[in-house]
Amino acid sequence: MAFKQDTGFLRRIPQEFIDKKSKSCPICGTKKPQWSIDRHFSFISQNRYLFKCEDCGCILSATVSDVACFEGKPQSTAFIDTLDAK
């Protein structure tokens, strides 16, 4: 995986999604964690964004479609649905 922080155009939407949906890391409790982002492609299931906490290394996951709906109206109520510890 190639996790990285990037506020460029391509990663702006997933970065804003995780920053607004997760004000603290659910695993280590860090307030305002720094999240790095990667994207997981799959032919079998939905494509997903992966968000890694820079403090504890846990990985949160959300579908690309849920992240994309976050910018639209009405706003998505989706939240991170997968946790993975380091």
Protein backbone atom coordinates (compact mmCIF):
# COMPACT_ATOMS: atom_id res chain seq x y z
CA MET A 1 0.00 0.00 0.00
CA ALA A 2 1.10 3.53 -0.68
CA PHE A 3 -0.45 5.68 2.01
CA LYS A 4 0.21 9.39 1.74
CA GLN A 5 -1.22 12.72 2.80
CA ASP A 6 -2.16 14.90 -0.09
CA THR A 7 -4.40 17.92 -0.27
CA GLY A 8 -4.18 18.06 -4.06
CA PHE A 9 -7.30 17.96 -6.18
CA LEU A 10 -7.52 14.15 -6.44
CA ARG A 11 -7.30 13.50 -2.71
CA ARG A 12 -9.10 16.57 -1.41
CA ILE A 13 -12.51 14.90 -1.17
CA PRO A 14 -11.42 11.78 0.78
CA GLN A 15 -9.23 13.96 3.03
CA GLU A 16 -12.17 16.22 3.88
CA PHE A 17 -14.39 13.14 4.39
CA ILE A 18 -12.12 11.57 7.03
CA ASP A 19 -11.35 14.89 8.71
CA LYS A 20 -15.06 15.68 9.14
CA LYS A 21 -16.29 12.15 9.92
CA SER A 22 -13.56 11.18 12.38
CA LYS A 23 -12.54 14.00 14.72
CA SER A 24 -10.41 11.56 16.74
CA CYS A 25 -8.90 8.15 16.08
CA PRO A 26 -11.31 5.45 17.34
CA ILE A 27 -8.40 3.16 18.27
CA CYS A 28 -5.79 5.35 20.00
CA GLY A 29 -8.00 8.36 20.81
CA THR A 30 -5.69 10.93 19.22
CA LYS A 31 -7.50 14.25 18.81
CA LYS A 32 -7.29 15.61 15.25
CA PRO A 33 -5.24 12.68 13.91
CA GLN A 34 -3.19 12.98 10.76
CA TRP A 35 -4.71 10.55 8.23
CA SER A 36 -2.83 9.24 5.22
CA ILE A 37 -4.90 7.89 2.35
CA ASP A 38 -4.69 4.97 -0.06
CA ARG A 39 -7.20 3.48 -2.47
CA HIS A 40 -8.01 -0.24 -2.74
CA PHE A 41 -9.35 -1.47 -6.07
CA SER A 42 -11.37 -4.68 -6.27
CA PHE A 43 -13.11 -6.56 -9.05
CA ILE A 44 -15.23 -8.53 -6.58
CA SER A 45 -16.42 -5.85 -4.15
CA GLN A 46 -16.65 -2.06 -4.11
CA ASN A 47 -13.54 0.08 -4.44
CA ARG A 48 -12.54 1.60 -1.11
CA TYR A 49 -10.52 4.42 0.38
CA LEU A 50 -8.25 3.41 3.24
CA PHE A 51 -7.36 5.92 5.94
CA LYS A 52 -4.33 5.24 8.15
CA CYS A 53 -3.79 6.97 11.51
CA GLU A 54 -0.23 8.25 11.62
CA ASP A 55 -0.09 7.80 15.41
CA CYS A 56 -1.18 4.17 15.91
CA GLY A 57 -1.29 2.78 12.39
CA CYS A 58 -4.92 1.63 12.44
CA ILE A 59 -6.66 1.58 9.10
CA LEU A 60 -10.23 2.75 8.55
CA SER A 61 -12.11 2.06 5.32
CA ALA A 62 -15.01 3.61 3.39
CA THR A 63 -16.37 2.87 -0.08
CA VAL A 64 -15.45 5.27 -2.86
CA SER A 65 -19.15 5.85 -3.57
CA ASP A 66 -19.83 6.82 0.07
CA VAL A 67 -16.94 9.28 0.01
CA ALA A 68 -18.15 10.72 -3.32
CA CYS A 69 -21.71 11.14 -1.97
CA PHE A 70 -20.27 13.11 0.94
CA GLU A 71 -19.76 16.07 -1.41
CA GLY A 72 -23.21 15.81 -2.97
CA LYS A 73 -26.66 16.68 -1.71
CA PRO A 74 -28.05 15.21 0.39
CA GLN A 75 -24.91 14.44 2.33
CA SER A 76 -24.13 10.82 2.88
CA THR A 77 -24.65 9.49 6.39
CA ALA A 78 -22.06 6.78 5.71
CA PHE A 79 -19.22 6.33 8.11
CA ILE A 80 -16.13 4.21 8.27
CA ASP A 81 -17.11 0.58 8.37
CA THR A 82 -13.87 -1.37 8.66
CA LEU A 83 -11.17 -1.21 11.29
CA ASP A 84 -7.82 -2.89 11.02
CA ALA A 85 -5.13 -2.68 13.68
CA LYS A 86 -1.44 -2.53 12.92
